[in-house]
Amino acid sequence: MPTQQHEYLLELVQQRPSLVATLLAEKGVTVPAYQEARLDSCDMTERVPTEYRADSVVVMVDKNPVSAVVLEVQREYDHRKTWSWPVYLATLRGRVKCPCILLVFCPSRTEATKCAQPIDMGHPGWTLHPIVLGPDEVPMVTEVDRAIANPELMALSAIVHGAGDDGAKVLQVMHDAHEHLSEEQQSYSDLVLDLLPKDAVNKFKEIQMAIVREYKTSRGYRSSLVRSWVAAGVAEGEAMAILRILSKRGIPVPIEVQERILDCIDSEVLETWIDRALDVSSVDELFD
């Protein structure tokens, strides 16, 4: 079953298909000049009983397709892929009528080495060498301008390197670029923070909160990312206060109602519920 750990690169490529060209360049692979990079069908089934389906497919187009990339995410080496990956390339090549490339992303160095093993096709001179992108090949985005220009690469950099020795640098760039991104691109910060180890996230938040306290304005924190952390912390505290009041007053709170209260991040609504929690005789009255 796909997990968030498996899906995050695919999600970033879905937002910006040209990201695969950037990653190939990091591996020294030249992609022909193109005007547009677009997603294509991942279905590689061609009237045969066995279903073949890649993780993602991106086609580079300059009036006509000039290059196509099969992107696979492998958290662990799977020998069965040595049979299916050649099928992906051959089927895609026949469909789009242009050269095709296999790009495999492995978050683990050990698994990346295994996935990079050549695949002997049996035909003389025909050996498939998967292009494998391990954590060492993912660039560290440490310039704000580059992060703003390619927020998907920034997010991938932060996910892969955020817990490492230089993690503070890439997370700082993510923080500094945050306010210059679209609302959808700002959501990448949530993806990054969800995937990083909690100790790395907490350490970074502590550093940022300490820094921005000195620059807090009369309207609040200048950093929208920090404002979101503060708001989340305040909301969680208010939600817990509501549940505690209701518990002390002996008012039953069903699980679905607990979830509704804990999921709320609107401070004004939560403050209203706190006031009502002091007087209501049933939890239904909380929402009237």
C-alpha atoms as a PDB file:
ATOM      1  CA  MET A   1       0.000   0.000   0.000  1.00  0.00           C
ATOM      2  CA  PRO A   2       1.425   3.422  -0.935  1.00  0.00           C
ATOM      3  CA  THR A   3       2.524   5.516   2.033  1.00  0.00           C
ATOM      4  CA  GLN A   4       3.318   9.185   2.443  1.00  0.00           C
ATOM      5  CA  GLN A   5       7.005   8.206   2.538  1.00  0.00           C
ATOM      6  CA  HIS A   6       6.518   6.636  -0.911  1.00  0.00           C
ATOM      7  CA  GLU A   7       4.255   9.270  -2.415  1.00  0.00           C
ATOM      8  CA  TYR A   8       5.894  12.617  -1.627  1.00  0.00           C
ATOM      9  CA  LEU A   9       8.172  12.785  -4.681  1.00  0.00           C
ATOM     10  CA  LEU A  10       5.306  11.691  -6.926  1.00  0.00           C
ATOM     11  CA  GLU A  11       3.171  14.485  -5.462  1.00  0.00           C
ATOM     12  CA  LEU A  12       5.894  17.057  -6.134  1.00  0.00           C
ATOM     13  CA  VAL A  13       6.334  15.809  -9.710  1.00  0.00           C
ATOM     14  CA  GLN A  14       2.585  15.994 -10.196  1.00  0.00           C
ATOM     15  CA  GLN A  15       2.750  19.670  -9.255  1.00  0.00           C
ATOM     16  CA  ARG A  16       5.806  20.314 -11.469  1.00  0.00           C
ATOM     17  CA  PRO A  17       6.564  17.557 -14.018  1.00  0.00           C
ATOM     18  CA  SER A  18       9.768  19.343 -15.116  1.00  0.00           C
ATOM     19  CA  LEU A  19      11.231  18.406 -11.717  1.00  0.00           C
ATOM     20  CA  VAL A  20      12.326  15.089 -13.273  1.00  0.00           C
ATOM     21  CA  ALA A  21      14.465  16.990 -15.791  1.00  0.00           C
ATOM     22  CA  THR A  22      16.115  18.865 -12.926  1.00  0.00           C
ATOM     23  CA  LEU A  23      16.837  15.622 -11.112  1.00  0.00           C
ATOM     24  CA  LEU A  24      18.237  13.992 -14.250  1.00  0.00           C
ATOM     25  CA  ALA A  25      20.557  16.972 -14.709  1.00  0.00           C
ATOM     26  CA  GLU A  26      21.882  16.313 -11.196  1.00  0.00           C
ATOM     27  CA  LYS A  27      22.863  12.858 -12.465  1.00  0.00           C
ATOM     28  CA  GLY A  28      24.577  14.309 -15.526  1.00  0.00           C
ATOM     29  CA  VAL A  29      21.863  13.144 -17.934  1.00  0.00           C
ATOM     30  CA  THR A  30      21.120  15.533 -20.791  1.00  0.00           C
ATOM     31  CA  VAL A  31      17.452  16.008 -21.619  1.00  0.00           C
ATOM     32  CA  PRO A  32      16.636  17.401 -25.094  1.00  0.00           C
ATOM     33  CA  ALA A  33      15.329  20.978 -25.270  1.00  0.00           C
ATOM     34  CA  TYR A  34      11.586  21.048 -24.670  1.00  0.00           C
ATOM     35  CA  GLN A  35       8.795  23.588 -24.323  1.00  0.00           C
ATOM     36  CA  GLU A  36       6.572  21.672 -21.915  1.00  0.00           C
ATOM     37  CA  ALA A  37       6.824  18.787 -19.472  1.00  0.00           C
ATOM     38  CA  ARG A  38       3.550  16.997 -18.934  1.00  0.00           C
ATOM     39  CA  LEU A  39       2.287  13.995 -17.027  1.00  0.00           C
ATOM     40  CA  ASP A  40       1.322  10.960 -19.043  1.00  0.00           C
ATOM     41  CA  SER A  41      -0.532   7.739 -18.378  1.00  0.00           C
ATOM     42  CA  CYS A  42       1.269   5.403 -15.976  1.00  0.00           C
ATOM     43  CA  ASP A  43      -0.525   2.379 -17.421  1.00  0.00           C
ATOM     44  CA  MET A  44       1.920   0.157 -19.315  1.00  0.00           C
ATOM     45  CA  THR A  45      -0.540  -2.667 -20.058  1.00  0.00           C
ATOM     46  CA  GLU A  46      -0.626  -3.586 -23.737  1.00  0.00           C
ATOM     47  CA  ARG A  47      -3.317  -6.244 -24.287  1.00  0.00           C
ATOM     48  CA  VAL A  48      -1.588  -8.770 -22.052  1.00  0.00           C
ATOM     49  CA  PRO A  49      -2.931 -10.474 -18.912  1.00  0.00           C
ATOM     50  CA  THR A  50      -0.271  -8.957 -16.634  1.00  0.00           C
ATOM     51  CA  GLU A  51      -0.865  -5.366 -15.556  1.00  0.00           C
ATOM     52  CA  TYR A  52       2.176  -3.097 -15.588  1.00  0.00           C
ATOM     53  CA  ARG A  53       1.897   0.314 -13.987  1.00  0.00           C
ATOM     54  CA  ALA A  54       4.705   2.787 -13.292  1.00  0.00           C
ATOM     55  CA  ASP A  55       4.698   5.233 -10.388  1.00  0.00           C
ATOM     56  CA  SER A  56       4.815   8.278 -12.675  1.00  0.00           C
ATOM     57  CA  VAL A  57       5.466   9.145 -16.298  1.00  0.00           C
ATOM     58  CA  VAL A  58       6.562  12.549 -17.609  1.00  0.00           C
ATOM     59  CA  VAL A  59       6.820  13.436 -21.296  1.00  0.00           C
ATOM     60  CA  MET A  60       8.944  16.358 -22.523  1.00  0.00           C
ATOM     61  CA  VAL A  61       7.327  18.011 -25.525  1.00  0.00           C
ATOM     62  CA  ASP A  62       8.611  20.392 -28.183  1.00  0.00           C
ATOM     63  CA  LYS A  63       5.670  20.271 -30.595  1.00  0.00           C
ATOM     64  CA  ASN A  64       6.205  16.502 -30.502  1.00  0.00           C
ATOM     65  CA  PRO A  65       7.523  14.307 -27.672  1.00  0.00           C
ATOM     66  CA  VAL A  66      11.328  14.541 -27.466  1.00  0.00           C
ATOM     67  CA  SER A  67      11.951  12.514 -24.295  1.00  0.00           C
ATOM     68  CA  ALA A  68       9.925  10.559 -21.751  1.00  0.00           C
ATOM     69  CA  VAL A  69      10.806   9.596 -18.200  1.00  0.00           C
ATOM     70  CA  VAL A  70       9.517   6.678 -16.157  1.00  0.00           C
ATOM     71  CA  LEU A  71       9.851   7.680 -12.500  1.00  0.00           C
ATOM     72  CA  GLU A  72       9.889   4.906  -9.925  1.00  0.00           C
ATOM     73  CA  VAL A  73      10.144   5.327  -6.142  1.00  0.00           C
ATOM     74  CA  GLN A  74      11.826   2.398  -4.386  1.00  0.00           C
ATOM     75  CA  ARG A  75      12.165   2.387  -0.604  1.00  0.00           C
ATOM     76  CA  GLU A  76      13.464  -1.192  -0.801  1.00  0.00           C
ATOM     77  CA  TYR A  77      15.093  -3.150  -3.596  1.00  0.00           C
ATOM     78  CA  ASP A  78      12.660  -5.507  -5.313  1.00  0.00           C
ATOM     79  CA  HIS A  79      14.164  -8.048  -7.747  1.00  0.00           C
ATOM     80  CA  ARG A  80      10.826  -8.267  -9.589  1.00  0.00           C
ATOM     81  CA  LYS A  81      11.430  -4.740 -10.881  1.00  0.00           C
ATOM     82  CA  THR A  82      14.268  -6.052 -13.048  1.00  0.00           C
ATOM     83  CA  TRP A  83      11.529  -7.678 -15.138  1.00  0.00           C
ATOM     84  CA  SER A  84       8.944  -4.888 -15.095  1.00  0.00           C
ATOM     85  CA  TRP A  85      11.194  -1.825 -15.599  1.00  0.00           C
ATOM     86  CA  PRO A  86      12.270  -2.875 -19.132  1.00  0.00           C
ATOM     87  CA  VAL A  87       8.591  -3.416 -19.961  1.00  0.00           C
ATOM     88  CA  TYR A  88       7.783   0.126 -18.817  1.00  0.00           C
ATOM     89  CA  LEU A  89      10.442   1.612 -21.093  1.00  0.00           C
ATOM     90  CA  ALA A  90       9.621  -0.501 -24.134  1.00  0.00           C
ATOM     91  CA  THR A  91       5.881   0.074 -23.818  1.00  0.00           C
ATOM     92  CA  LEU A  92       6.252   3.814 -23.262  1.00  0.00           C
ATOM     93  CA  ARG A  93       8.715   4.108 -26.152  1.00  0.00           C
ATOM     94  CA  GLY A  94       6.238   2.394 -28.445  1.00  0.00           C
ATOM     95  CA  ARG A  95       3.432   4.692 -27.268  1.00  0.00           C
ATOM     96  CA  VAL A  96       5.100   8.108 -27.393  1.00  0.00           C
ATOM     97  CA  LYS A  97       7.619   7.376 -30.183  1.00  0.00           C
ATOM     98  CA  CYS A  98      10.640   9.029 -28.547  1.00  0.00           C
ATOM     99  CA  PRO A  99      13.658   8.049 -26.409  1.00  0.00           C
ATOM    100  CA  CYS A 100      12.735   6.965 -22.865  1.00  0.00           C
ATOM    101  CA  ILE A 101      14.634   7.110 -19.572  1.00  0.00           C
ATOM    102  CA  LEU A 102      14.223   5.163 -16.328  1.00  0.00           C
ATOM    103  CA  LEU A 103      14.752   7.297 -13.205  1.00  0.00           C
ATOM    104  CA  VAL A 104      14.583   5.511  -9.846  1.00  0.00           C
ATOM    105  CA  PHE A 105      14.465   7.461  -6.589  1.00  0.00           C
ATOM    106  CA  CYS A 106      15.692   5.687  -3.427  1.00  0.00           C
ATOM    107  CA  PRO A 107      15.651   7.512  -0.063  1.00  0.00           C
ATOM    108  CA  SER A 108      18.174   4.934   1.221  1.00  0.00           C
ATOM    109  CA  ARG A 109      21.809   4.868   0.079  1.00  0.00           C
ATOM    110  CA  THR A 110      21.959   1.100   0.532  1.00  0.00           C
ATOM    111  CA  GLU A 111      18.832   0.454  -1.517  1.00  0.00           C
ATOM    112  CA  ALA A 112      19.986   2.935  -4.171  1.00  0.00           C
ATOM    113  CA  THR A 113      23.138   0.866  -4.722  1.00  0.00           C
ATOM    114  CA  LYS A 114      21.080  -2.288  -5.147  1.00  0.00           C
ATOM    115  CA  CYS A 115      18.614  -0.655  -7.566  1.00  0.00           C
ATOM    116  CA  ALA A 116      21.480   0.660  -9.726  1.00  0.00           C
ATOM    117  CA  GLN A 117      22.610  -2.864 -10.669  1.00  0.00           C
ATOM    118  CA  PRO A 118      22.660  -3.350 -14.465  1.00  0.00           C
ATOM    119  CA  ILE A 119      19.847  -5.436 -15.938  1.00  0.00           C
ATOM    120  CA  ASP A 120      21.080  -7.901 -18.573  1.00  0.00           C
ATOM    121  CA  MET A 121      18.373  -8.075 -21.229  1.00  0.00           C
ATOM    122  CA  GLY A 122      19.857 -11.206 -22.803  1.00  0.00           C
ATOM    123  CA  HIS A 123      20.315  -9.636 -26.235  1.00  0.00           C
ATOM    124  CA  PRO A 124      24.008  -9.013 -27.092  1.00  0.00           C
ATOM    125  CA  GLY A 125      25.025  -5.472 -26.128  1.00  0.00           C
ATOM    126  CA  TRP A 126      21.672  -4.689 -24.554  1.00  0.00           C
ATOM    127  CA  THR A 127      22.022  -3.914 -20.858  1.00  0.00           C
ATOM    128  CA  LEU A 128      19.711  -1.544 -19.005  1.00  0.00           C
ATOM    129  CA  HIS A 129      21.477   0.671 -16.470  1.00  0.00           C
ATOM    130  CA  PRO A 130      18.818   2.270 -14.234  1.00  0.00           C
ATOM    131  CA  ILE A 131      19.517   5.906 -13.405  1.00  0.00           C
ATOM    132  CA  VAL A 132      19.198   5.911  -9.638  1.00  0.00           C
ATOM    133  CA  LEU A 133      18.849   9.025  -7.523  1.00  0.00           C
ATOM    134  CA  GLY A 134      19.862   8.393  -3.921  1.00  0.00           C
ATOM    135  CA  PRO A 135      19.899  10.904  -1.047  1.00  0.00           C
ATOM    136  CA  ASP A 136      23.437  11.993  -1.963  1.00  0.00           C
ATOM    137  CA  GLU A 137      22.301  12.988  -5.464  1.00  0.00           C
ATOM    138  CA  VAL A 138      19.377  15.143  -4.298  1.00  0.00           C
ATOM    139  CA  PRO A 139      20.731  18.713  -4.335  1.00  0.00           C
ATOM    140  CA  MET A 140      20.740  20.711  -1.128  1.00  0.00           C
ATOM    141  CA  VAL A 141      18.793  23.885  -1.863  1.00  0.00           C
ATOM    142  CA  THR A 142      20.502  26.507   0.286  1.00  0.00           C
ATOM    143  CA  GLU A 143      19.704  29.617  -1.781  1.00  0.00           C
ATOM    144  CA  VAL A 144      16.383  31.392  -1.284  1.00  0.00           C
ATOM    145  CA  ASP A 145      16.194  32.459  -4.945  1.00  0.00           C
ATOM    146  CA  ARG A 146      16.485  28.854  -6.071  1.00  0.00           C
ATOM    147  CA  ALA A 147      13.867  27.755  -3.527  1.00  0.00           C
ATOM    148  CA  ILE A 148      11.397  30.358  -4.797  1.00  0.00           C
ATOM    149  CA  ALA A 149      12.083  29.444  -8.430  1.00  0.00           C
ATOM    150  CA  ASN A 150      11.654  25.706  -7.800  1.00  0.00           C
ATOM    151  CA  PRO A 151       9.684  25.120  -4.574  1.00  0.00           C
ATOM    152  CA  GLU A 152       9.166  21.437  -5.403  1.00  0.00           C
ATOM    153  CA  LEU A 153      12.925  20.870  -5.496  1.00  0.00           C
ATOM    154  CA  MET A 154      13.192  22.885  -2.273  1.00  0.00           C
ATOM    155  CA  ALA A 155      10.653  20.591  -0.598  1.00  0.00           C
ATOM    156  CA  LEU A 156      12.450  17.453  -1.784  1.00  0.00           C
ATOM    157  CA  SER A 157      15.745  18.893  -0.530  1.00  0.00           C
ATOM    158  CA  ALA A 158      14.247  19.648   2.883  1.00  0.00           C
ATOM    159  CA  ILE A 159      12.685  16.176   3.187  1.00  0.00           C
ATOM    160  CA  VAL A 160      15.901  14.371   2.243  1.00  0.00           C
ATOM    161  CA  HIS A 161      18.422  16.597   4.041  1.00  0.00           C
ATOM    162  CA  GLY A 162      16.381  18.290   6.774  1.00  0.00           C
ATOM    163  CA  ALA A 163      17.420  15.841   9.493  1.00  0.00           C
ATOM    164  CA  GLY A 164      21.082  15.733   8.465  1.00  0.00           C
ATOM    165  CA  ASP A 165      24.126  17.657   9.609  1.00  0.00           C
ATOM    166  CA  ASP A 166      23.259  20.613   7.387  1.00  0.00           C
ATOM    167  CA  GLY A 167      19.523  20.282   7.926  1.00  0.00           C
ATOM    168  CA  ALA A 168      19.229  23.702   9.532  1.00  0.00           C
ATOM    169  CA  LYS A 169      20.437  25.337   6.295  1.00  0.00           C
ATOM    170  CA  VAL A 170      17.840  23.782   4.008  1.00  0.00           C
ATOM    171  CA  LEU A 171      15.049  24.274   6.541  1.00  0.00           C
ATOM    172  CA  GLN A 172      16.075  27.904   6.978  1.00  0.00           C
ATOM    173  CA  VAL A 173      15.801  28.406   3.221  1.00  0.00           C
ATOM    174  CA  MET A 174      12.361  26.790   3.243  1.00  0.00           C
ATOM    175  CA  HIS A 175      11.349  29.160   6.026  1.00  0.00           C
ATOM    176  CA  ASP A 176      12.742  32.252   4.267  1.00  0.00           C
ATOM    177  CA  ALA A 177      11.105  31.351   0.941  1.00  0.00           C
ATOM    178  CA  HIS A 178       7.723  30.535   2.486  1.00  0.00           C
ATOM    179  CA  GLU A 179       6.104  33.970   2.204  1.00  0.00           C
ATOM    180  CA  HIS A 180       7.146  34.331  -1.431  1.00  0.00           C
ATOM    181  CA  LEU A 181       5.283  31.196  -2.555  1.00  0.00           C
ATOM    182  CA  SER A 182       1.700  30.611  -3.596  1.00  0.00           C
ATOM    183  CA  GLU A 183      -0.710  29.196  -1.047  1.00  0.00           C
ATOM    184  CA  GLU A 184      -0.496  25.769  -2.658  1.00  0.00           C
ATOM    185  CA  GLN A 185       3.308  25.866  -2.649  1.00  0.00           C
ATOM    186  CA  GLN A 186       3.337  26.983   0.993  1.00  0.00           C
ATOM    187  CA  SER A 187       1.615  23.698   1.827  1.00  0.00           C
ATOM    188  CA  TYR A 188       4.890  21.935   0.977  1.00  0.00           C
ATOM    189  CA  SER A 189       6.141  23.098   4.392  1.00  0.00           C
ATOM    190  CA  ASP A 190       3.439  20.971   6.027  1.00  0.00           C
ATOM    191  CA  LEU A 191       4.501  17.989   3.907  1.00  0.00           C
ATOM    192  CA  VAL A 192       8.139  18.466   4.913  1.00  0.00           C
ATOM    193  CA  LEU A 193       7.397  18.841   8.618  1.00  0.00           C
ATOM    194  CA  ASP A 194       5.117  15.779   8.563  1.00  0.00           C
ATOM    195  CA  LEU A 195       7.845  13.615   7.048  1.00  0.00           C
ATOM    196  CA  LEU A 196      10.873  14.763   9.057  1.00  0.00           C
ATOM    197  CA  PRO A 197      11.720  13.183  12.426  1.00  0.00           C
ATOM    198  CA  LYS A 198       9.988  15.032  15.251  1.00  0.00           C
ATOM    199  CA  ASP A 199      13.229  15.928  17.017  1.00  0.00           C
ATOM    200  CA  ALA A 200      14.524  17.685  13.883  1.00  0.00           C
ATOM    201  CA  VAL A 201      11.243  19.564  13.485  1.00  0.00           C
ATOM    202  CA  ASN A 202      11.090  20.619  17.122  1.00  0.00           C
ATOM    203  CA  LYS A 203      14.705  21.789  17.137  1.00  0.00           C
ATOM    204  CA  PHE A 204      14.127  23.919  14.046  1.00  0.00           C
ATOM    205  CA  LYS A 205      10.917  25.401  15.440  1.00  0.00           C
ATOM    206  CA  GLU A 206      12.647  26.316  18.697  1.00  0.00           C
ATOM    207  CA  ILE A 207      15.410  28.112  16.821  1.00  0.00           C
ATOM    208  CA  GLN A 208      12.961  30.010  14.645  1.00  0.00           C
ATOM    209  CA  MET A 209      10.688  30.991  17.520  1.00  0.00           C
ATOM    210  CA  ALA A 210      13.678  32.330  19.454  1.00  0.00           C
ATOM    211  CA  ILE A 211      14.820  34.383  16.472  1.00  0.00           C
ATOM    212  CA  VAL A 212      11.489  35.897  15.485  1.00  0.00           C
ATOM    213  CA  ARG A 213      10.490  36.918  19.021  1.00  0.00           C
ATOM    214  CA  GLU A 214      12.937  39.787  18.617  1.00  0.00           C
ATOM    215  CA  TYR A 215      11.188  40.859  15.412  1.00  0.00           C
ATOM    216  CA  LYS A 216       7.599  40.484  16.506  1.00  0.00           C
ATOM    217  CA  THR A 217       5.531  43.449  15.325  1.00  0.00           C
ATOM    218  CA  SER A 218       2.374  44.974  16.763  1.00  0.00           C
ATOM    219  CA  ARG A 219       0.437  42.833  14.286  1.00  0.00           C
ATOM    220  CA  GLY A 220       2.143  39.624  15.338  1.00  0.00           C
ATOM    221  CA  TYR A 221       4.925  37.541  13.860  1.00  0.00           C
ATOM    222  CA  ARG A 222       6.230  38.638  10.478  1.00  0.00           C
ATOM    223  CA  SER A 223       6.815  35.068   9.336  1.00  0.00           C
ATOM    224  CA  SER A 224       3.625  33.421   8.086  1.00  0.00           C
ATOM    225  CA  LEU A 225       5.176  30.008   8.736  1.00  0.00           C
ATOM    226  CA  VAL A 226       5.894  30.914  12.356  1.00  0.00           C
ATOM    227  CA  ARG A 227       2.409  32.411  12.664  1.00  0.00           C
ATOM    228  CA  SER A 228       0.994  29.066  11.593  1.00  0.00           C
ATOM    229  CA  TRP A 229       3.055  27.271  14.271  1.00  0.00           C
ATOM    230  CA  VAL A 230       1.879  29.719  16.936  1.00  0.00           C
ATOM    231  CA  ALA A 231      -1.736  29.429  15.790  1.00  0.00           C
ATOM    232  CA  ALA A 232      -1.553  25.641  15.800  1.00  0.00           C
ATOM    233  CA  GLY A 233      -0.126  25.629  19.321  1.00  0.00           C
ATOM    234  CA  VAL A 234      -2.739  28.064  20.615  1.00  0.00           C
ATOM    235  CA  ALA A 235      -5.569  26.170  18.945  1.00  0.00           C
ATOM    236  CA  GLU A 236      -4.428  22.851  20.385  1.00  0.00           C
ATOM    237  CA  GLY A 237      -4.275  24.350  23.881  1.00  0.00           C
ATOM    238  CA  GLU A 238      -7.753  25.864  23.586  1.00  0.00           C
ATOM    239  CA  ALA A 239      -9.214  22.609  22.242  1.00  0.00           C
ATOM    240  CA  MET A 240      -7.716  20.641  25.136  1.00  0.00           C
ATOM    241  CA  ALA A 241      -9.126  23.218  27.561  1.00  0.00           C
ATOM    242  CA  ILE A 242     -12.633  22.677  26.188  1.00  0.00           C
ATOM    243  CA  LEU A 243     -12.379  18.908  26.567  1.00  0.00           C
ATOM    244  CA  ARG A 244     -10.988  19.257  30.081  1.00  0.00           C
ATOM    245  CA  ILE A 245     -13.817  21.579  31.164  1.00  0.00           C
ATOM    246  CA  LEU A 246     -16.454  19.228  29.787  1.00  0.00           C
ATOM    247  CA  SER A 247     -14.756  16.260  31.455  1.00  0.00           C
ATOM    248  CA  LYS A 248     -14.599  18.010  34.845  1.00  0.00           C
ATOM    249  CA  ARG A 249     -18.287  18.873  34.542  1.00  0.00           C
ATOM    250  CA  GLY A 250     -19.132  15.247  33.794  1.00  0.00           C
ATOM    251  CA  ILE A 251     -20.467  15.916  30.301  1.00  0.00           C
ATOM    252  CA  PRO A 252     -19.892  12.977  27.913  1.00  0.00           C
ATOM    253  CA  VAL A 253     -18.067  13.840  24.689  1.00  0.00           C
ATOM    254  CA  PRO A 254     -18.333  11.283  21.860  1.00  0.00           C
ATOM    255  CA  ILE A 255     -15.205  10.491  19.851  1.00  0.00           C
ATOM    256  CA  GLU A 256     -16.469  12.276  16.734  1.00  0.00           C
ATOM    257  CA  VAL A 257     -17.122  15.425  18.774  1.00  0.00           C
ATOM    258  CA  GLN A 258     -13.645  15.226  20.323  1.00  0.00           C
ATOM    259  CA  GLU A 259     -12.183  15.041  16.830  1.00  0.00           C
ATOM    260  CA  ARG A 260     -14.245  18.028  15.684  1.00  0.00           C
ATOM    261  CA  ILE A 261     -12.972  20.116  18.593  1.00  0.00           C
ATOM    262  CA  LEU A 262      -9.344  19.022  18.195  1.00  0.00           C
ATOM    263  CA  ASP A 263      -9.416  19.617  14.427  1.00  0.00           C
ATOM    264  CA  CYS A 264     -10.631  23.207  14.782  1.00  0.00           C
ATOM    265  CA  ILE A 265      -7.900  25.833  14.303  1.00  0.00           C
ATOM    266  CA  ASP A 266     -10.117  28.936  14.421  1.00  0.00           C
ATOM    267  CA  SER A 267      -9.188  30.644  17.686  1.00  0.00           C
ATOM    268  CA  GLU A 268     -12.356  32.760  17.776  1.00  0.00           C
ATOM    269  CA  VAL A 269     -14.569  29.691  17.433  1.00  0.00           C
ATOM    270  CA  LEU A 270     -12.582  27.856  20.092  1.00  0.00           C
ATOM    271  CA  GLU A 271     -12.893  30.785  22.500  1.00  0.00           C
ATOM    272  CA  THR A 272     -16.660  30.749  21.980  1.00  0.00           C
ATOM    273  CA  TRP A 273     -16.764  27.040  22.727  1.00  0.00           C
ATOM    274  CA  ILE A 274     -14.705  27.567  25.881  1.00  0.00           C
ATOM    275  CA  ASP A 275     -17.247  30.107  27.166  1.00  0.00           C
ATOM    276  CA  ARG A 276     -20.126  27.770  26.360  1.00  0.00           C
ATOM    277  CA  ALA A 277     -18.392  24.754  27.903  1.00  0.00           C
ATOM    278  CA  LEU A 278     -18.690  26.435  31.292  1.00  0.00           C
ATOM    279  CA  ASP A 279     -22.519  26.462  31.137  1.00  0.00           C
ATOM    280  CA  VAL A 280     -23.842  23.832  28.697  1.00  0.00           C
ATOM    281  CA  SER A 281     -25.732  20.825  29.974  1.00  0.00           C
ATOM    282  CA  SER A 282     -24.937  18.682  26.918  1.00  0.00           C
ATOM    283  CA  VAL A 283     -22.217  18.711  24.315  1.00  0.00           C
ATOM    284  CA  ASP A 284     -24.767  19.480  21.563  1.00  0.00           C
ATOM    285  CA  GLU A 285     -25.302  22.929  23.085  1.00  0.00           C
ATOM    286  CA  LEU A 286     -21.656  23.707  22.495  1.00  0.00           C
ATOM    287  CA  PHE A 287     -22.300  24.147  18.755  1.00  0.00           C
ATOM    288  CA  ASP A 288     -25.658  25.971  18.883  1.00  0.00           C
END
